[in-house]
Protein backbone atom coordinates (compact mmCIF):
# COMPACT_ATOMS: atom_id res chain seq x y z
CA MET A 1 175.74 284.49 -0.34
CA THR A 2 174.07 281.17 -1.09
CA LYS A 3 173.89 279.52 1.95
CA VAL A 4 173.94 279.57 5.79
CA ARG A 5 176.75 277.43 7.28
CA ALA A 6 176.93 276.34 11.46
CA ALA A 7 180.05 273.95 12.47
CA LEU A 8 180.99 273.00 15.59
CA VAL A 9 185.09 273.44 16.21
CA GLY A 10 187.63 272.24 18.32
CA GLU A 11 190.60 274.59 19.65
CA GLN A 12 192.68 272.75 17.10
CA GLY A 13 190.55 273.53 13.84
CA THR A 14 188.78 270.34 13.99
CA VAL A 15 185.24 270.45 13.12
CA PHE A 16 182.75 268.86 15.03
CA ALA A 17 179.73 269.39 13.35
CA GLN A 18 178.40 271.35 11.04
CA ALA A 19 175.21 272.19 9.43
CA ASP A 20 174.02 274.55 6.83
CA ASP A 21 170.96 276.12 4.73
CA ARG A 22 170.11 277.48 1.77
CA THR A 23 169.66 281.59 2.70
CA ASP A 24 166.63 283.30 2.55
CA ALA A 25 168.58 286.43 1.70
CA ALA A 26 165.56 288.22 0.37
CA ALA A 27 163.41 287.92 3.72
CA GLY A 28 165.77 290.57 5.01
CA PRO A 29 168.38 290.45 8.62
CA GLU A 30 165.71 288.68 11.22
CA ARG A 31 164.43 285.87 8.64
CA VAL A 32 168.80 285.02 7.96
CA LEU A 33 169.81 285.89 11.90
CA ASP A 34 167.15 282.61 12.70
CA GLN A 35 168.50 280.35 10.20
CA ILE A 36 171.92 281.34 11.85
CA LEU A 37 169.91 280.80 15.45
CA HIS A 38 168.36 277.49 14.03
CA LEU A 39 171.88 275.93 12.73
CA ALA A 40 173.87 277.15 15.54
CA GLU A 41 171.03 275.28 17.64
CA GLN A 42 171.56 272.27 15.57
CA VAL A 43 175.66 271.61 16.07
CA LEU A 44 175.68 272.38 20.26
CA ALA A 45 173.06 269.18 20.28
CA ALA A 46 176.01 267.26 18.66
CA PRO A 47 177.97 264.73 21.03
CA ALA A 48 181.08 266.28 21.35
CA GLN A 49 182.38 266.46 24.62
CA LEU A 50 183.57 270.67 24.11
CA SER A 51 182.85 273.48 26.50
CA VAL A 52 181.87 275.90 24.12
CA MET A 53 183.87 279.38 24.61
CA GLY A 54 182.25 281.84 22.35
CA VAL A 55 180.38 282.46 18.95
CA GLY A 56 182.36 283.53 16.16
CA VAL A 57 180.58 284.88 12.63
CA SER A 58 182.14 285.44 9.70
CA THR A 59 179.54 287.43 6.36
CA PRO A 60 179.78 288.85 2.99
CA GLY A 61 180.94 292.65 3.06
CA PRO A 62 181.49 295.00 3.54
CA VAL A 63 181.32 295.25 7.54
CA ASP A 64 182.33 297.66 9.90
CA THR A 65 183.81 294.82 12.09
CA ILE A 66 184.40 297.72 14.94
CA ALA A 67 181.14 298.81 15.31
CA GLY A 68 179.78 295.92 14.54
CA VAL A 69 177.38 296.84 12.42
CA ALA A 70 176.88 296.20 8.19
CA SER A 71 176.54 298.23 5.08
CA ASP A 72 175.43 297.99 1.89
CA VAL A 73 176.15 293.75 1.77
CA PRO A 74 175.09 293.28 -1.91
CA THR A 75 173.45 289.59 -1.55
CA LEU A 76 171.60 290.38 1.37
CA ALA A 77 168.92 292.23 0.87
CA GLY A 78 168.19 294.56 4.31
CA PHE A 79 171.04 294.70 5.55
CA ALA A 80 172.57 298.39 4.91
CA GLY A 81 173.52 300.26 8.82
CA PHE A 82 171.78 297.14 10.84
CA PRO A 83 173.51 296.00 13.84
CA LEU A 84 174.58 293.00 13.13
CA LYS A 85 176.84 291.95 15.86
CA ALA A 86 174.27 293.93 18.81
CA GLU A 87 171.53 291.63 17.14
CA LEU A 88 173.14 287.88 16.76
CA GLN A 89 174.55 289.05 20.86
CA LYS A 90 170.68 288.85 21.96
CA ARG A 91 170.39 285.76 20.07
CA PHE A 92 173.36 284.23 22.18
CA ALA A 93 174.11 282.92 25.39
CA TYR A 94 178.05 283.11 24.72
CA PRO A 95 180.19 286.33 23.64
CA VAL A 96 179.61 287.01 19.83
CA SER A 97 182.90 288.05 17.81
CA LEU A 98 182.36 288.86 14.17
CA GLU A 99 184.86 289.08 10.39
CA ASN A 100 184.48 289.42 7.19
CA ASP A 101 184.15 286.08 5.69
CA GLY A 102 187.02 286.47 3.57
CA ILE A 103 189.30 287.91 6.46
CA ALA A 104 187.69 285.08 8.59
CA ALA A 105 188.80 282.40 5.58
CA ALA A 106 192.63 283.82 5.86
CA ILE A 107 192.60 283.26 9.46
CA GLY A 108 191.54 279.69 8.74
CA GLU A 109 194.09 278.67 6.67
CA TRP A 110 196.30 280.91 8.01
CA GLN A 111 196.64 278.41 11.79
CA PHE A 112 195.03 275.63 10.57
CA GLY A 113 195.29 275.21 6.67
CA ALA A 114 198.09 275.76 4.47
CA GLY A 115 199.39 279.13 5.43
CA ARG A 116 200.31 277.53 8.76
CA GLY A 117 203.80 279.42 10.00
CA TYR A 118 203.90 281.71 7.55
CA ASP A 119 204.03 285.90 8.81
CA ASN A 120 202.71 287.01 5.47
CA LEU A 121 200.01 285.66 3.01
CA ILE A 122 197.50 286.40 1.36
CA PHE A 123 193.99 284.45 1.07
CA VAL A 124 191.68 284.53 -2.08
CA THR A 125 188.48 283.01 -2.75
CA VAL A 126 187.25 282.49 -6.10
CA SER A 127 183.84 280.98 -6.27
CA THR A 128 180.17 283.46 -6.98
CA GLY A 129 182.78 286.28 -6.20
CA ILE A 130 185.90 287.17 -5.16
CA GLY A 131 186.99 288.01 -1.49
CA GLY A 132 190.21 287.57 0.10
CA GLY A 133 192.05 288.07 3.53
CA ILE A 134 195.59 289.45 3.77
CA ILE A 135 198.26 288.75 7.09
CA THR A 136 201.47 290.58 7.17
CA ASP A 137 203.65 290.32 9.64
CA GLY A 138 202.21 287.71 11.67
CA ARG A 139 198.76 290.02 12.11
CA VAL A 140 195.42 290.38 10.73
CA LEU A 141 195.25 293.48 7.79
CA ARG A 142 191.91 294.68 8.96
CA GLY A 143 192.04 298.27 7.94
CA ARG A 144 189.89 301.55 8.13
CA LYS A 145 186.49 300.28 10.19
CA GLY A 146 187.80 296.47 10.17
CA MET A 147 186.93 296.09 6.31
CA ALA A 148 189.84 295.63 4.66
CA GLY A 149 190.75 293.09 1.58
CA HIS A 150 187.83 293.56 -0.50
CA ILE A 151 190.62 292.34 -3.49
CA GLY A 152 187.62 291.89 -5.34
CA HIS A 153 186.87 294.89 -6.48
CA MET A 154 190.24 296.65 -7.59
CA SER A 155 190.43 297.06 -11.35
CA ILE A 156 192.11 295.17 -13.55
CA MET A 157 190.65 297.07 -17.03
CA PRO A 158 190.31 299.43 -17.30
CA ASN A 159 186.49 300.45 -18.60
CA GLY A 160 186.10 296.99 -18.32
CA GLU A 161 182.89 294.35 -17.86
CA LEU A 162 180.43 296.01 -15.14
CA CYS A 163 180.85 294.46 -11.32
CA PRO A 164 177.96 293.59 -9.04
CA CYS A 165 179.13 296.33 -6.98
CA GLY A 166 179.17 299.03 -9.94
CA ASN A 167 182.20 299.71 -11.13
CA ARG A 168 183.71 298.71 -14.42
CA GLY A 169 186.66 296.34 -14.87
CA CYS A 170 186.85 295.10 -11.23
CA PHE A 171 188.91 291.51 -11.03
CA GLU A 172 185.38 289.97 -9.54
CA ALA A 173 184.09 291.29 -13.29
CA TYR A 174 186.32 288.67 -14.56
CA GLY A 175 187.75 286.45 -12.33
CA PRO A 176 185.23 284.34 -10.16
CA GLY A 177 183.31 280.83 -11.31
CA THR A 178 180.40 282.83 -12.07
CA ALA A 179 181.68 285.23 -14.52
CA PHE A 180 184.11 281.68 -16.15
CA ALA A 181 180.95 280.46 -16.70
CA LEU A 182 179.52 283.79 -18.79
CA ARG A 183 182.29 283.97 -20.48
CA ALA A 184 181.90 280.30 -22.07
CA CYS A 185 177.67 280.57 -22.70
CA THR A 186 178.42 283.75 -24.37
CA ARG A 187 181.48 282.79 -26.87
CA ALA A 188 179.90 279.01 -27.15
CA LEU A 189 177.56 280.79 -29.21
CA SER A 190 179.33 281.74 -31.49
CA CYS A 191 181.59 277.90 -31.90
CA THR A 192 180.93 275.13 -33.76
CA GLU A 193 183.24 273.04 -32.97
CA THR A 194 182.80 272.86 -28.66
CA ALA A 195 180.05 270.41 -26.79
CA LEU A 196 179.55 273.34 -24.45
CA GLY A 197 176.21 274.68 -24.54
CA ARG A 198 174.89 272.49 -26.96
CA ASN A 199 170.52 272.94 -27.56
CA GLY A 200 170.60 276.06 -25.41
CA VAL A 201 172.01 273.55 -22.05
CA GLU A 202 172.74 276.24 -19.56
CA ILE A 203 177.00 275.88 -18.84
CA HIS A 204 178.48 275.75 -15.45
CA SER A 205 182.37 276.22 -14.53
CA ARG A 206 182.17 272.67 -13.76
CA ASP A 207 181.12 271.61 -17.40
CA VAL A 208 183.78 273.57 -18.76
CA PHE A 209 186.16 271.22 -16.91
CA ALA A 210 184.19 268.58 -18.09
CA ALA A 211 184.66 268.54 -21.26
CA ALA A 212 188.54 270.49 -21.13
CA ARG A 213 188.96 266.79 -19.76
CA LYS A 214 187.74 264.72 -22.56
CA GLY A 215 190.00 267.15 -24.74
CA ASP A 216 187.53 269.71 -26.02
CA ALA A 217 190.03 272.80 -27.23
CA PHE A 218 187.92 275.54 -26.28
CA ALA A 219 187.18 274.49 -23.06
CA ASN A 220 190.55 274.77 -22.42
CA LYS A 221 191.33 277.86 -24.24
CA LEU A 222 188.93 279.39 -21.68
CA ILE A 223 190.82 277.85 -18.83
CA GLU A 224 193.76 279.16 -20.21
CA GLU A 225 192.26 282.30 -20.56
CA GLU A 226 190.52 281.96 -16.85
CA ALA A 227 194.02 281.14 -15.34
CA GLU A 228 195.85 284.61 -16.65
CA VAL A 229 192.64 286.84 -15.47
CA LEU A 230 193.70 284.96 -11.46
CA GLY A 231 197.64 285.73 -12.74
CA ARG A 232 196.83 288.94 -13.26
CA GLY A 233 195.18 289.25 -10.38
CA PHE A 234 197.25 287.73 -7.69
CA THR A 235 200.27 289.61 -9.67
CA SER A 236 199.05 292.47 -8.07
CA LEU A 237 198.62 291.44 -4.95
CA ILE A 238 202.13 289.94 -5.10
CA HIS A 239 203.04 293.50 -5.42
CA ILE A 240 201.13 295.20 -3.21
CA PHE A 241 201.92 292.81 -0.28
CA SER A 242 204.71 291.31 -0.56
CA PRO A 243 203.83 288.03 0.87
CA ASP A 244 205.38 284.44 1.47
CA ILE A 245 202.61 282.48 0.01
CA VAL A 246 199.05 283.00 -1.78
CA VAL A 247 196.32 281.04 -1.25
CA MET A 248 193.56 279.87 -3.18
CA GLY A 249 190.43 278.43 -1.78
CA GLY A 250 186.28 278.72 -2.93
CA GLY A 251 184.62 277.16 -5.47
CA LEU A 252 187.06 276.90 -8.69
CA SER A 253 190.24 275.86 -6.05
CA HIS A 254 188.21 272.35 -6.74
CA GLU A 255 190.46 272.61 -10.02
CA PHE A 256 193.70 274.33 -8.89
CA ASP A 257 195.25 271.41 -10.99
CA ARG A 258 194.45 273.00 -13.96
CA LEU A 259 194.51 275.88 -13.15
CA TYR A 260 197.83 276.49 -11.37
CA PRO A 261 200.23 275.92 -14.13
CA GLY A 262 198.99 279.62 -15.89
CA ILE A 263 198.50 281.12 -12.95
CA GLN A 264 202.24 280.49 -11.91
CA ASP A 265 203.43 280.95 -15.39
CA TYR A 266 201.47 285.00 -15.65
CA ILE A 267 203.15 285.61 -12.20
CA ALA A 268 206.24 284.23 -13.54
CA ARG A 269 206.37 286.50 -16.33
CA TRP A 270 204.89 289.38 -15.30
CA ALA A 271 205.62 289.50 -11.46
CA MET A 272 208.70 291.75 -10.75
CA PRO A 273 212.12 289.41 -10.37
CA ALA A 274 212.08 290.31 -6.71
CA PHE A 275 208.49 288.75 -6.22
CA ASN A 276 208.14 286.62 -9.41
CA ASN A 277 209.27 282.76 -7.28
CA VAL A 278 206.24 283.16 -4.98
CA GLN A 279 204.50 280.58 -5.31
CA VAL A 280 200.24 279.69 -5.17
CA ILE A 281 198.86 277.03 -3.14
CA ARG A 282 196.04 275.44 -2.81
CA ALA A 283 193.95 276.15 0.54
CA ALA A 284 193.81 273.42 2.98
CA LEU A 285 190.56 273.29 4.93
CA GLY A 286 188.72 273.73 1.55
CA GLN A 287 184.91 275.18 2.54
CA ASN A 288 185.70 275.06 5.92
CA SER A 289 188.08 278.03 5.93
CA GLY A 290 185.87 280.33 6.79
CA LEU A 291 184.17 277.98 9.31
CA VAL A 292 187.16 277.54 11.45
CA GLY A 293 188.26 281.30 11.18
CA ALA A 294 185.01 282.14 12.43
CA ALA A 295 186.03 279.90 15.36
CA ALA A 296 189.38 280.99 15.75
CA LEU A 297 187.85 284.03 16.78
CA ALA A 298 185.90 282.82 19.22
CA PHE A 299 188.67 281.47 20.79
CA LEU A 300 190.72 284.75 20.86
CA ALA A 301 188.30 287.36 20.87
CA GLU A 302 190.37 290.68 20.85
CA MET A 303 192.37 289.19 18.06
CA ARG A 304 193.26 292.84 16.33
CA PRO A 305 196.21 294.09 14.19
CA GLU A 306 198.08 295.41 17.52
CA THR A 307 197.22 292.32 19.45
CA ARG A 308 199.58 288.94 17.96
CA PRO A 309 197.69 286.04 18.45
CA ALA A 310 198.13 283.70 20.97
CA PHE A 311 198.10 280.61 18.46
CA SER A 312 202.12 278.69 18.52
CA GLN A 313 203.40 279.94 15.39
CA THR A 314 206.78 278.49 14.06
CA SER A 315 207.40 281.09 11.18
CA LYS A 316 208.93 280.02 7.59
CA SER A 317 209.39 281.52 4.65
CA ARG A 318 210.59 280.97 0.54
CA THR A 319 213.50 281.60 -0.83
């Protein structure tokens, strides 16, 4: 979790104001909550003529959203067992709703973005890690303690690379931008035909795509491999949840056009025939998927698996 972000969002998903700050992740819960409150005060001071209904908060998981208690969040120090919802509620005069960030982003895209009108979709964020959320039969899939959707920690490679969660071979050990950049850095050392990493320069994922656009064969091969990794993970998700669409968000979705052909080709080749025409599409809300989804929680605080959303939806599915 590199940033704390806040937004003032209208009922139609329009973002009227937003602010962000670099997360003081090592300073503990009190400091991070102070950052949240400060940013909320900034956006509430915007000159938009809106009546505040509530505060929706999305957070990295695992988090027990039923009890409102954070679990051992790997990216935030001191949050294990922390009563996050109760502590947030002490700081706000409005009702507070709490959600996992992947599920919140899925809700945002479902209600106001690329998934609008679909009853079945998977949202996958591909950024510094891999997270997601699932909408199935027109309902948000939350699971035990509201912790469903940790799709980055399904295994795609037996005894593979070490994942931040401590397991090996997880989707998150291979698919996110951080893993992609690490592969580039490691392999560029033994490749004399690429400009990447020359003179010890650090390689970021954006550098690989930039080099590929200039015709760097090594960079293009790395991108093809990344698309295959994502395709492999998406195919497993498609088999499990049978969505109408897969929505891809996160930092690497900025290069969706370059990754899409390889992802879709993998699905077409390796998904079972009944599933191989499921399309992957780019998130429509960009970096605001989670912000808008968190706001949707404030509009309908009781959105639970047994409760159909009060948003108007016209169902559609692919044939």
